[in-house]
Amino acid sequence: MEVEVYPDSDVEDPDVKVCGICGDEGRKDLLVICSRCSDWAEHTYCMLKVPTKVPKGNWVCLECKVEEKSSNQRQDKIGRIDGNVKKQLL
């Protein structure tokens, strides 16, 4: 079965990224995409802390930063529990 593509269609291209803050493609050269989830993107001019230039290398969205922080805290707690259990056994 062949799928027809219409240029005036409301169906969005899944590869087109839009800013999660303003909801627009805007200046694609100033749109940064989360290197961890690849779902979130922000224009540098829409960010809470506006950088002077587009970040080079990896950029991580707030949601991924929060998830990483809570994951690290869980790992710290597990490490402390394991350490206490080991000390008690010795």
PDB file of N, CA and C in Angstrom:
ATOM      1  N   MET A   1       0.838  -1.182   0.000  1.00  0.00           N
ATOM      2  CA  MET A   1       0.000   0.000   0.000  1.00  0.00           C
ATOM      3  C   MET A   1       0.885   1.248   0.000  1.00  0.00           C
ATOM      4  N   GLU A   2       0.604   2.165  -0.880  1.00  0.00           N
ATOM      5  CA  GLU A   2       1.400   3.367  -1.007  1.00  0.00           C
ATOM      6  C   GLU A   2       0.754   4.514  -0.229  1.00  0.00           C
ATOM      7  N   VAL A   3       1.574   5.294   0.443  1.00  0.00           N
ATOM      8  CA  VAL A   3       1.077   6.427   1.219  1.00  0.00           C
ATOM      9  C   VAL A   3       1.302   7.693   0.412  1.00  0.00           C
ATOM     10  N   GLU A   4       0.239   8.483   0.272  1.00  0.00           N
ATOM     11  CA  GLU A   4       0.360   9.743  -0.451  1.00  0.00           C
ATOM     12  C   GLU A   4       0.745  10.845   0.523  1.00  0.00           C
ATOM     13  N   VAL A   5       1.612  11.739   0.089  1.00  0.00           N
ATOM     14  CA  VAL A   5       2.042  12.866   0.911  1.00  0.00           C
ATOM     15  C   VAL A   5       1.516  14.135   0.268  1.00  0.00           C
ATOM     16  N   TYR A   6       0.855  14.944   1.073  1.00  0.00           N
ATOM     17  CA  TYR A   6       0.303  16.202   0.592  1.00  0.00           C
ATOM     18  C   TYR A   6       1.088  17.354   1.201  1.00  0.00           C
ATOM     19  N   PRO A   7       1.587  18.266   0.391  1.00  0.00           N
ATOM     20  CA  PRO A   7       2.402  19.365   0.917  1.00  0.00           C
ATOM     21  C   PRO A   7       1.666  20.272   1.895  1.00  0.00           C
ATOM     22  N   ASP A   8       0.352  20.404   1.786  1.00  0.00           N
ATOM     23  CA  ASP A   8      -0.408  21.283   2.676  1.00  0.00           C
ATOM     24  C   ASP A   8      -0.968  20.544   3.881  1.00  0.00           C
ATOM     25  N   SER A   9      -0.498  19.339   4.135  1.00  0.00           N
ATOM     26  CA  SER A   9      -1.008  18.514   5.222  1.00  0.00           C
ATOM     27  C   SER A   9      -0.650  19.103   6.581  1.00  0.00           C
ATOM     28  N   ASP A  10      -1.516  18.869   7.576  1.00  0.00           N
ATOM     29  CA  ASP A  10      -1.266  19.296   8.947  1.00  0.00           C
ATOM     30  C   ASP A  10      -0.374  18.311   9.693  1.00  0.00           C
ATOM     31  N   VAL A  11      -0.071  17.172   9.086  1.00  0.00           N
ATOM     32  CA  VAL A  11       0.772  16.163   9.720  1.00  0.00           C
ATOM     33  C   VAL A  11       2.201  16.679   9.751  1.00  0.00           C
ATOM     34  N   GLU A  12       2.791  16.690  10.964  1.00  0.00           N
ATOM     35  CA  GLU A  12       4.136  17.225  11.109  1.00  0.00           C
ATOM     36  C   GLU A  12       5.180  16.156  10.853  1.00  0.00           C
ATOM     37  N   ASP A  13       6.310  16.574  10.338  1.00  0.00           N
ATOM     38  CA  ASP A  13       7.447  15.691  10.135  1.00  0.00           C
ATOM     39  C   ASP A  13       8.021  15.368  11.519  1.00  0.00           C
ATOM     40  N   PRO A  14       8.134  14.082  11.878  1.00  0.00           N
ATOM     41  CA  PRO A  14       8.614  13.735  13.217  1.00  0.00           C
ATOM     42  C   PRO A  14      10.064  14.145  13.469  1.00  0.00           C
ATOM     43  N   ASP A  15      10.834  14.399  12.408  1.00  0.00           N
ATOM     44  CA  ASP A  15      12.224  14.802  12.572  1.00  0.00           C
ATOM     45  C   ASP A  15      12.379  16.303  12.801  1.00  0.00           C
ATOM     46  N   VAL A  16      11.333  17.066  12.575  1.00  0.00           N
ATOM     47  CA  VAL A  16      11.394  18.506  12.769  1.00  0.00           C
ATOM     48  C   VAL A  16      11.262  18.799  14.256  1.00  0.00           C
ATOM     49  N   LYS A  17      12.247  19.478  14.802  1.00  0.00           N
ATOM     50  CA  LYS A  17      12.235  19.827  16.221  1.00  0.00           C
ATOM     51  C   LYS A  17      11.709  21.243  16.389  1.00  0.00           C
ATOM     52  N   VAL A  18      10.903  21.415  17.427  1.00  0.00           N
ATOM     53  CA  VAL A  18      10.418  22.748  17.784  1.00  0.00           C
ATOM     54  C   VAL A  18      10.840  23.031  19.211  1.00  0.00           C
ATOM     55  N   CYS A  19      10.913  24.283  19.541  1.00  0.00           N
ATOM     56  CA  CYS A  19      11.285  24.712  20.885  1.00  0.00           C
ATOM     57  C   CYS A  19      10.184  24.309  21.862  1.00  0.00           C
ATOM     58  N   GLY A  20      10.560  23.661  22.954  1.00  0.00           N
ATOM     59  CA  GLY A  20       9.602  23.247  23.974  1.00  0.00           C
ATOM     60  C   GLY A  20       9.051  24.417  24.760  1.00  0.00           C
ATOM     61  N   ILE A  21       9.668  25.584  24.640  1.00  0.00           N
ATOM     62  CA  ILE A  21       9.202  26.764  25.374  1.00  0.00           C
ATOM     63  C   ILE A  21       8.251  27.594  24.523  1.00  0.00           C
ATOM     64  N   CYS A  22       8.682  27.982  23.312  1.00  0.00           N
ATOM     65  CA  CYS A  22       7.831  28.838  22.473  1.00  0.00           C
ATOM     66  C   CYS A  22       6.977  28.042  21.492  1.00  0.00           C
ATOM     67  N   GLY A  23       7.315  26.760  21.276  1.00  0.00           N
ATOM     68  CA  GLY A  23       6.523  25.919  20.385  1.00  0.00           C
ATOM     69  C   GLY A  23       6.736  26.180  18.910  1.00  0.00           C
ATOM     70  N   ASP A  24       7.812  26.877  18.562  1.00  0.00           N
ATOM     71  CA  ASP A  24       8.068  27.247  17.178  1.00  0.00           C
ATOM     72  C   ASP A  24       9.427  26.707  16.736  1.00  0.00           C
ATOM     73  N   GLU A  25       9.577  26.477  15.428  1.00  0.00           N
ATOM     74  CA  GLU A  25      10.883  26.090  14.898  1.00  0.00           C
ATOM     75  C   GLU A  25      11.849  27.257  15.010  1.00  0.00           C
ATOM     76  N   GLY A  26      11.358  28.441  14.674  1.00  0.00           N
ATOM     77  CA  GLY A  26      12.158  29.655  14.793  1.00  0.00           C
ATOM     78  C   GLY A  26      13.523  29.532  14.156  1.00  0.00           C
ATOM     79  N   ARG A  27      14.520  30.064  14.824  1.00  0.00           N
ATOM     80  CA  ARG A  27      15.903  30.032  14.339  1.00  0.00           C
ATOM     81  C   ARG A  27      16.515  28.671  14.635  1.00  0.00           C
ATOM     82  N   LYS A  28      16.544  27.816  13.629  1.00  0.00           N
ATOM     83  CA  LYS A  28      17.074  26.461  13.815  1.00  0.00           C
ATOM     84  C   LYS A  28      18.541  26.471  14.223  1.00  0.00           C
ATOM     85  N   ASP A  29      19.271  27.511  13.834  1.00  0.00           N
ATOM     86  CA  ASP A  29      20.689  27.594  14.201  1.00  0.00           C
ATOM     87  C   ASP A  29      20.876  27.892  15.684  1.00  0.00           C
ATOM     88  N   LEU A  30      19.808  28.333  16.360  1.00  0.00           N
ATOM     89  CA  LEU A  30      19.868  28.612  17.794  1.00  0.00           C
ATOM     90  C   LEU A  30      19.019  27.628  18.598  1.00  0.00           C
ATOM     91  N   LEU A  31      18.634  26.517  17.978  1.00  0.00           N
ATOM     92  CA  LEU A  31      17.833  25.484  18.630  1.00  0.00           C
ATOM     93  C   LEU A  31      18.762  24.360  19.086  1.00  0.00           C
ATOM     94  N   VAL A  32      18.803  24.129  20.407  1.00  0.00           N
ATOM     95  CA  VAL A  32      19.639  23.053  20.936  1.00  0.00           C
ATOM     96  C   VAL A  32      18.741  21.901  21.356  1.00  0.00           C
ATOM     97  N   ILE A  33      19.216  20.674  21.116  1.00  0.00           N
ATOM     98  CA  ILE A  33      18.438  19.467  21.383  1.00  0.00           C
ATOM     99  C   ILE A  33      19.119  18.693  22.501  1.00  0.00           C
ATOM    100  N   CYS A  34      18.331  18.188  23.432  1.00  0.00           N
ATOM    101  CA  CYS A  34      18.874  17.419  24.552  1.00  0.00           C
ATOM    102  C   CYS A  34      19.645  16.213  24.029  1.00  0.00           C
ATOM    103  N   SER A  35      20.877  16.079  24.476  1.00  0.00           N
ATOM    104  CA  SER A  35      21.713  14.974  24.012  1.00  0.00           C
ATOM    105  C   SER A  35      21.378  13.664  24.719  1.00  0.00           C
ATOM    106  N   ARG A  36      20.590  13.728  25.788  1.00  0.00           N
ATOM    107  CA  ARG A  36      20.239  12.509  26.502  1.00  0.00           C
ATOM    108  C   ARG A  36      18.934  11.920  25.972  1.00  0.00           C
ATOM    109  N   CYS A  37      17.860  12.701  25.923  1.00  0.00           N
ATOM    110  CA  CYS A  37      16.552  12.154  25.521  1.00  0.00           C
ATOM    111  C   CYS A  37      16.212  12.428  24.061  1.00  0.00           C
ATOM    112  N   SER A  38      16.810  13.421  23.455  1.00  0.00           N
ATOM    113  CA  SER A  38      16.562  13.836  22.068  1.00  0.00           C
ATOM    114  C   SER A  38      15.112  14.249  21.810  1.00  0.00           C
ATOM    115  N   ASP A  39      14.303  14.351  22.860  1.00  0.00           N
ATOM    116  CA  ASP A  39      12.906  14.752  22.701  1.00  0.00           C
ATOM    117  C   ASP A  39      12.720  16.247  22.921  1.00  0.00           C
ATOM    118  N   TRP A  40      13.534  16.841  23.751  1.00  0.00           N
ATOM    119  CA  TRP A  40      13.351  18.232  24.139  1.00  0.00           C
ATOM    120  C   TRP A  40      14.343  19.107  23.403  1.00  0.00           C
ATOM    121  N   ALA A  41      13.872  20.263  22.974  1.00  0.00           N
ATOM    122  CA  ALA A  41      14.731  21.248  22.324  1.00  0.00           C
ATOM    123  C   ALA A  41      14.326  22.632  22.810  1.00  0.00           C
ATOM    124  N   GLU A  42      15.285  23.540  22.846  1.00  0.00           N
ATOM    125  CA  GLU A  42      15.027  24.920  23.249  1.00  0.00           C
ATOM    126  C   GLU A  42      15.872  25.857  22.403  1.00  0.00           C
ATOM    127  N   HIS A  43      15.282  27.001  22.064  1.00  0.00           N
ATOM    128  CA  HIS A  43      16.083  28.056  21.453  1.00  0.00           C
ATOM    129  C   HIS A  43      16.937  28.664  22.566  1.00  0.00           C
ATOM    130  N   THR A  44      18.128  29.067  22.225  1.00  0.00           N
ATOM    131  CA  THR A  44      18.972  29.694  23.245  1.00  0.00           C
ATOM    132  C   THR A  44      18.322  30.975  23.770  1.00  0.00           C
ATOM    133  N   TYR A  45      17.580  31.671  22.928  1.00  0.00           N
ATOM    134  CA  TYR A  45      16.937  32.917  23.350  1.00  0.00           C
ATOM    135  C   TYR A  45      15.664  32.693  24.160  1.00  0.00           C
ATOM    136  N   CYS A  46      15.195  31.451  24.264  1.00  0.00           N
ATOM    137  CA  CYS A  46      14.020  31.136  25.085  1.00  0.00           C
ATOM    138  C   CYS A  46      14.412  30.561  26.448  1.00  0.00           C
ATOM    139  N   MET A  47      15.681  30.186  26.608  1.00  0.00           N
ATOM    140  CA  MET A  47      16.138  29.557  27.849  1.00  0.00           C
ATOM    141  C   MET A  47      16.035  30.510  29.031  1.00  0.00           C
ATOM    142  N   LEU A  48      15.826  29.942  30.220  1.00  0.00           N
ATOM    143  CA  LEU A  48      15.742  30.729  31.447  1.00  0.00           C
ATOM    144  C   LEU A  48      17.034  31.508  31.662  1.00  0.00           C
ATOM    145  N   LYS A  49      18.170  30.823  31.498  1.00  0.00           N
ATOM    146  CA  LYS A  49      19.474  31.476  31.558  1.00  0.00           C
ATOM    147  C   LYS A  49      20.003  31.512  30.130  1.00  0.00           C
ATOM    148  N   VAL A  50      19.884  32.649  29.495  1.00  0.00           N
ATOM    149  CA  VAL A  50      20.245  32.786  28.080  1.00  0.00           C
ATOM    150  C   VAL A  50      21.764  32.767  27.930  1.00  0.00           C
ATOM    151  N   PRO A  51      22.295  31.746  27.232  1.00  0.00           N
ATOM    152  CA  PRO A  51      23.748  31.703  27.006  1.00  0.00           C
ATOM    153  C   PRO A  51      24.160  32.723  25.950  1.00  0.00           C
ATOM    154  N   THR A  52      25.422  33.082  25.951  1.00  0.00           N
ATOM    155  CA  THR A  52      25.901  34.051  24.965  1.00  0.00           C
ATOM    156  C   THR A  52      26.050  33.423  23.582  1.00  0.00           C
ATOM    157  N   LYS A  53      26.175  32.080  23.541  1.00  0.00           N
ATOM    158  CA  LYS A  53      26.281  31.382  22.259  1.00  0.00           C
ATOM    159  C   LYS A  53      25.697  29.981  22.416  1.00  0.00           C
ATOM    160  N   VAL A  54      25.490  29.301  21.299  1.00  0.00           N
ATOM    161  CA  VAL A  54      24.957  27.939  21.304  1.00  0.00           C
ATOM    162  C   VAL A  54      25.977  27.038  21.994  1.00  0.00           C
ATOM    163  N   PRO A  55      25.527  26.259  22.997  1.00  0.00           N
ATOM    164  CA  PRO A  55      26.470  25.370  23.691  1.00  0.00           C
ATOM    165  C   PRO A  55      27.097  24.355  22.743  1.00  0.00           C
ATOM    166  N   LYS A  56      28.410  24.169  22.865  1.00  0.00           N
ATOM    167  CA  LYS A  56      29.114  23.163  22.065  1.00  0.00           C
ATOM    168  C   LYS A  56      29.078  21.857  22.831  1.00  0.00           C
ATOM    169  N   GLY A  57      29.029  20.756  22.119  1.00  0.00           N
ATOM    170  CA  GLY A  57      29.014  19.453  22.773  1.00  0.00           C
ATOM    171  C   GLY A  57      27.631  19.094  23.272  1.00  0.00           C
ATOM    172  N   ASN A  58      27.582  18.443  24.406  1.00  0.00           N
ATOM    173  CA  ASN A  58      26.314  17.952  24.942  1.00  0.00           C
ATOM    174  C   ASN A  58      25.564  19.027  25.712  1.00  0.00           C
ATOM    175  N   TRP A  59      24.256  19.032  25.539  1.00  0.00           N
ATOM    176  CA  TRP A  59      23.360  19.887  26.312  1.00  0.00           C
ATOM    177  C   TRP A  59      22.256  18.976  26.833  1.00  0.00           C
ATOM    178  N   VAL A  60      21.916  19.109  28.109  1.00  0.00           N
ATOM    179  CA  VAL A  60      20.917  18.245  28.731  1.00  0.00           C
ATOM    180  C   VAL A  60      19.762  19.102  29.221  1.00  0.00           C
ATOM    181  N   CYS A  61      18.535  18.687  28.894  1.00  0.00           N
ATOM    182  CA  CYS A  61      17.343  19.435  29.287  1.00  0.00           C
ATOM    183  C   CYS A  61      17.107  19.312  30.800  1.00  0.00           C
ATOM    184  N   LEU A  62      16.272  20.177  31.332  1.00  0.00           N
ATOM    185  CA  LEU A  62      15.995  20.212  32.765  1.00  0.00           C
ATOM    186  C   LEU A  62      15.424  18.890  33.259  1.00  0.00           C
ATOM    187  N   GLU A  63      14.510  18.295  32.515  1.00  0.00           N
ATOM    188  CA  GLU A  63      13.902  17.027  32.931  1.00  0.00           C
ATOM    189  C   GLU A  63      14.953  15.928  33.067  1.00  0.00           C
ATOM    190  N   CYS A  64      15.872  15.852  32.128  1.00  0.00           N
ATOM    191  CA  CYS A  64      16.931  14.843  32.203  1.00  0.00           C
ATOM    192  C   CYS A  64      17.892  15.142  33.348  1.00  0.00           C
ATOM    193  N   LYS A  65      18.160  16.436  33.617  1.00  0.00           N
ATOM    194  CA  LYS A  65      19.020  16.801  34.745  1.00  0.00           C
ATOM    195  C   LYS A  65      18.390  16.367  36.059  1.00  0.00           C
ATOM    196  N   VAL A  66      17.083  16.606  36.212  1.00  0.00           N
ATOM    197  CA  VAL A  66      16.370  16.224  37.427  1.00  0.00           C
ATOM    198  C   VAL A  66      16.377  14.709  37.581  1.00  0.00           C
ATOM    199  N   GLU A  67      16.130  13.994  36.483  1.00  0.00           N
ATOM    200  CA  GLU A  67      16.130  12.534  36.519  1.00  0.00           C
ATOM    201  C   GLU A  67      17.512  11.997  36.912  1.00  0.00           C
ATOM    202  N   GLU A  68      18.564  12.598  36.361  1.00  0.00           N
ATOM    203  CA  GLU A  68      19.929  12.172  36.682  1.00  0.00           C
ATOM    204  C   GLU A  68      20.246  12.427  38.154  1.00  0.00           C
ATOM    205  N   LYS A  69      19.831  13.585  38.657  1.00  0.00           N
ATOM    206  CA  LYS A  69      20.097  13.931  40.053  1.00  0.00           C
ATOM    207  C   LYS A  69      19.392  12.962  40.991  1.00  0.00           C
ATOM    208  N   SER A  70      18.116  12.647  40.723  1.00  0.00           N
ATOM    209  CA  SER A  70      17.387  11.729  41.593  1.00  0.00           C
ATOM    210  C   SER A  70      17.952  10.319  41.495  1.00  0.00           C
ATOM    211  N   SER A  71      18.428   9.930  40.326  1.00  0.00           N
ATOM    212  CA  SER A  71      19.050   8.623  40.151  1.00  0.00           C
ATOM    213  C   SER A  71      20.345   8.542  40.960  1.00  0.00           C
ATOM    214  N   ASN A  72      21.137   9.616  40.919  1.00  0.00           N
ATOM    215  CA  ASN A  72      22.384   9.662  41.688  1.00  0.00           C
ATOM    216  C   ASN A  72      22.104   9.605  43.182  1.00  0.00           C
ATOM    217  N   GLN A  73      21.045  10.289  43.629  1.00  0.00           N
ATOM    218  CA  GLN A  73      20.688  10.267  45.047  1.00  0.00           C
ATOM    219  C   GLN A  73      20.263   8.867  45.471  1.00  0.00           C
ATOM    220  N   ARG A  74      19.513   8.175  44.615  1.00  0.00           N
ATOM    221  CA  ARG A  74      19.115   6.799  44.932  1.00  0.00           C
ATOM    222  C   ARG A  74      20.343   5.903  45.040  1.00  0.00           C
ATOM    223  N   GLN A  75      21.290   6.081  44.114  1.00  0.00           N
ATOM    224  CA  GLN A  75      22.516   5.277  44.135  1.00  0.00           C
ATOM    225  C   GLN A  75      23.325   5.549  45.400  1.00  0.00           C
ATOM    226  N   ASP A  76      23.367   6.822  45.832  1.00  0.00           N
ATOM    227  CA  ASP A  76      24.077   7.171  47.068  1.00  0.00           C
ATOM    228  C   ASP A  76      23.447   6.476  48.267  1.00  0.00           C
ATOM    229  N   LYS A  77      22.108   6.483  48.330  1.00  0.00           N
ATOM    230  CA  LYS A  77      21.406   5.841  49.443  1.00  0.00           C
ATOM    231  C   LYS A  77      21.658   4.339  49.440  1.00  0.00           C
ATOM    232  N   ILE A  78      21.619   3.728  48.269  1.00  0.00           N
ATOM    233  CA  ILE A  78      21.866   2.286  48.165  1.00  0.00           C
ATOM    234  C   ILE A  78      23.294   1.982  48.614  1.00  0.00           C
ATOM    235  N   GLY A  79      24.240   2.811  48.204  1.00  0.00           N
ATOM    236  CA  GLY A  79      25.637   2.623  48.601  1.00  0.00           C
ATOM    237  C   GLY A  79      25.809   2.728  50.102  1.00  0.00           C
ATOM    238  N   ARG A  80      25.129   3.703  50.727  1.00  0.00           N
ATOM    239  CA  ARG A  80      25.228   3.858  52.175  1.00  0.00           C
ATOM    240  C   ARG A  80      24.601   2.673  52.891  1.00  0.00           C
ATOM    241  N   ILE A  81      23.472   2.198  52.388  1.00  0.00           N
ATOM    242  CA  ILE A  81      22.809   1.040  53.003  1.00  0.00           C
ATOM    243  C   ILE A  81      23.696  -0.183  52.871  1.00  0.00           C
ATOM    244  N   ASP A  82      24.241  -0.422  51.687  1.00  0.00           N
ATOM    245  CA  ASP A  82      25.135  -1.562  51.470  1.00  0.00           C
ATOM    246  C   ASP A  82      26.358  -1.447  52.365  1.00  0.00           C
ATOM    247  N   GLY A  83      26.938  -0.262  52.476  1.00  0.00           N
ATOM    248  CA  GLY A  83      28.119  -0.050  53.313  1.00  0.00           C
ATOM    249  C   GLY A  83      27.823  -0.336  54.774  1.00  0.00           C
ATOM    250  N   ASN A  84      26.658   0.099  55.279  1.00  0.00           N
ATOM    251  CA  ASN A  84      26.279  -0.138  56.669  1.00  0.00           C
ATOM    252  C   ASN A  84      26.061  -1.626  56.915  1.00  0.00           C
ATOM    253  N   VAL A  85      25.435  -2.292  55.973  1.00  0.00           N
ATOM    254  CA  VAL A  85      25.165  -3.730  56.132  1.00  0.00           C
ATOM    255  C   VAL A  85      26.491  -4.489  56.176  1.00  0.00           C
ATOM    256  N   LYS A  86      27.420  -4.120  55.299  1.00  0.00           N
ATOM    257  CA  LYS A  86      28.728  -4.791  55.264  1.00  0.00           C
ATOM    258  C   LYS A  86      29.474  -4.574  56.584  1.00  0.00           C
ATOM    259  N   LYS A  87      29.441  -3.365  57.136  1.00  0.00           N
ATOM    260  CA  LYS A  87      30.123  -3.080  58.386  1.00  0.00           C
ATOM    261  C   LYS A  87      29.532  -3.898  59.517  1.00  0.00           C
ATOM    262  N   GLN A  88      28.210  -4.057  59.533  1.00  0.00           N
ATOM    263  CA  GLN A  88      27.558  -4.814  60.587  1.00  0.00           C
ATOM    264  C   GLN A  88      27.916  -6.303  60.512  1.00  0.00           C
ATOM    265  N   LEU A  89      28.105  -6.808  59.295  1.00  0.00           N
ATOM    266  CA  LEU A  89      28.424  -8.226  59.123  1.00  0.00           C
ATOM    267  C   LEU A  89      29.862  -8.527  59.519  1.00  0.00           C
ATOM    268  N   LEU A  90      30.740  -7.550  59.432  1.00  0.00           N
ATOM    269  CA  LEU A  90      32.157  -7.788  59.750  1.00  0.00           C
ATOM    270  C   LEU A  90      32.355  -7.757  61.199  1.00  0.00           C
TER     271      LEU A  90
END
